């Protein structure tokens, strides 16, 4: 369990630069969804489903908003 918690903490640290990059932006690159968004969202979906709780999302608002927008795509 100790190792799991350490890995969760590391994952949370690793998404902070993406959150910072998304400040003032809707998508990772440009004005529309790109492969960068698809790739990142695909990798982060399990984390959003299982690890990133409401408190974490609140502290990473730009990341949470981006992921929510992505999941609303048809």
C-alpha atoms as a PDB file:
ATOM      1  CA  UNK A   1       0.000   0.000   0.000  1.00  0.00           C
ATOM      2  CA  UNK A   2       2.909   2.316   0.737  1.00  0.00           C
ATOM      3  CA  UNK A   3       4.267   1.890  -2.789  1.00  0.00           C
ATOM      4  CA  UNK A   4       0.822   2.496  -4.300  1.00  0.00           C
ATOM      5  CA  UNK A   5       0.440   5.743  -2.362  1.00  0.00           C
ATOM      6  CA  UNK A   6       3.895   6.864  -3.476  1.00  0.00           C
ATOM      7  CA  UNK A   7       2.980   6.160  -7.102  1.00  0.00           C
ATOM      8  CA  UNK A   8      -0.305   8.068  -6.763  1.00  0.00           C
ATOM      9  CA  UNK A   9       1.570  11.044  -5.311  1.00  0.00           C
ATOM     10  CA  UNK A  10       4.052  10.909  -8.181  1.00  0.00           C
ATOM     11  CA  UNK A  11       1.261  10.792 -10.773  1.00  0.00           C
ATOM     12  CA  UNK A  12      -0.383  13.809  -9.190  1.00  0.00           C
ATOM     13  CA  UNK A  13       2.913  15.703  -9.371  1.00  0.00           C
ATOM     14  CA  UNK A  14       3.411  14.734 -12.997  1.00  0.00           C
ATOM     15  CA  UNK A  15       0.107  16.220 -14.191  1.00  0.00           C
ATOM     16  CA  UNK A  16       0.816  19.615 -12.614  1.00  0.00           C
ATOM     17  CA  UNK A  17       2.833  20.852 -15.642  1.00  0.00           C
ATOM     18  CA  UNK A  18      -0.060  19.904 -17.929  1.00  0.00           C
ATOM     19  CA  UNK A  19      -2.458  21.818 -15.680  1.00  0.00           C
ATOM     20  CA  UNK A  20      -0.147  24.841 -15.868  1.00  0.00           C
ATOM     21  CA  UNK A  21       0.149  24.510 -19.649  1.00  0.00           C
ATOM     22  CA  UNK A  22      -3.646  24.519 -19.995  1.00  0.00           C
ATOM     23  CA  UNK A  23      -4.129  27.860 -18.215  1.00  0.00           C
ATOM     24  CA  UNK A  24      -6.147  30.026 -20.573  1.00  0.00           C
ATOM     25  CA  UNK A  25      -6.356  27.285 -23.192  1.00  0.00           C
ATOM     26  CA  UNK A  26      -9.118  24.908 -24.188  1.00  0.00           C
ATOM     27  CA  UNK A  27      -6.882  22.293 -25.819  1.00  0.00           C
ATOM     28  CA  UNK A  28      -3.266  21.248 -25.430  1.00  0.00           C
ATOM     29  CA  UNK A  29      -2.233  22.464 -28.898  1.00  0.00           C
ATOM     30  CA  UNK A  30      -4.179  25.045 -30.884  1.00  0.00           C
ATOM     31  CA  UNK A  31      -7.866  25.874 -30.965  1.00  0.00           C
ATOM     32  CA  UNK A  32      -9.261  22.417 -31.609  1.00  0.00           C
ATOM     33  CA  UNK A  33      -8.758  18.910 -30.330  1.00  0.00           C
ATOM     34  CA  UNK A  34      -5.616  17.210 -31.636  1.00  0.00           C
ATOM     35  CA  UNK A  35      -3.831  13.911 -31.226  1.00  0.00           C
ATOM     36  CA  UNK A  36      -2.080  15.454 -28.198  1.00  0.00           C
ATOM     37  CA  UNK A  37      -5.440  15.748 -26.430  1.00  0.00           C
ATOM     38  CA  UNK A  38      -6.495  12.257 -27.476  1.00  0.00           C
ATOM     39  CA  UNK A  39      -3.225  10.694 -26.320  1.00  0.00           C
ATOM     40  CA  UNK A  40      -3.165  12.509 -22.961  1.00  0.00           C
ATOM     41  CA  UNK A  41      -6.837  11.889 -22.259  1.00  0.00           C
ATOM     42  CA  UNK A  42      -6.464   8.218 -23.107  1.00  0.00           C
ATOM     43  CA  UNK A  43      -3.598   7.842 -20.658  1.00  0.00           C
ATOM     44  CA  UNK A  44      -5.278   9.915 -17.931  1.00  0.00           C
ATOM     45  CA  UNK A  45      -8.792   8.433 -18.141  1.00  0.00           C
ATOM     46  CA  UNK A  46      -8.123   5.681 -15.571  1.00  0.00           C
ATOM     47  CA  UNK A  47      -6.608   8.247 -13.202  1.00  0.00           C
ATOM     48  CA  UNK A  48      -9.649  10.495 -13.521  1.00  0.00           C
ATOM     49  CA  UNK A  49     -11.921   7.507 -12.946  1.00  0.00           C
ATOM     50  CA  UNK A  50     -10.063   6.010  -9.995  1.00  0.00           C
ATOM     51  CA  UNK A  51      -7.594   8.434  -8.416  1.00  0.00           C
ATOM     52  CA  UNK A  52      -8.294  12.111  -9.123  1.00  0.00           C
ATOM     53  CA  UNK A  53     -11.039  12.900  -6.621  1.00  0.00           C
ATOM     54  CA  UNK A  54     -13.023  16.158  -6.389  1.00  0.00           C
ATOM     55  CA  UNK A  55     -10.480  17.777  -4.080  1.00  0.00           C
ATOM     56  CA  UNK A  56      -7.622  17.034  -6.456  1.00  0.00           C
ATOM     57  CA  UNK A  57      -9.620  18.241  -9.451  1.00  0.00           C
ATOM     58  CA  UNK A  58     -10.487  21.471  -7.687  1.00  0.00           C
ATOM     59  CA  UNK A  59      -6.800  22.179  -7.167  1.00  0.00           C
ATOM     60  CA  UNK A  60      -6.070  21.437 -10.836  1.00  0.00           C
ATOM     61  CA  UNK A  61      -9.006  23.310 -12.336  1.00  0.00           C
ATOM     62  CA  UNK A  62      -7.545  23.789 -15.796  1.00  0.00           C
ATOM     63  CA  UNK A  63      -6.747  20.100 -16.125  1.00  0.00           C
ATOM     64  CA  UNK A  64     -10.173  19.090 -14.830  1.00  0.00           C
ATOM     65  CA  UNK A  65     -11.929  21.502 -17.202  1.00  0.00           C
ATOM     66  CA  UNK A  66      -9.907  20.232 -20.155  1.00  0.00           C
ATOM     67  CA  UNK A  67     -10.708  16.608 -19.324  1.00  0.00           C
ATOM     68  CA  UNK A  68     -14.402  17.368 -18.853  1.00  0.00           C
ATOM     69  CA  UNK A  69     -14.498  19.152 -22.238  1.00  0.00           C
ATOM     70  CA  UNK A  70     -12.735  16.218 -23.840  1.00  0.00           C
ATOM     71  CA  UNK A  71     -15.149  13.668 -22.410  1.00  0.00           C
ATOM     72  CA  UNK A  72     -18.084  15.641 -23.815  1.00  0.00           C
ATOM     73  CA  UNK A  73     -16.847  15.245 -27.394  1.00  0.00           C
ATOM     74  CA  UNK A  74     -18.982  13.014 -29.623  1.00  0.00           C
END
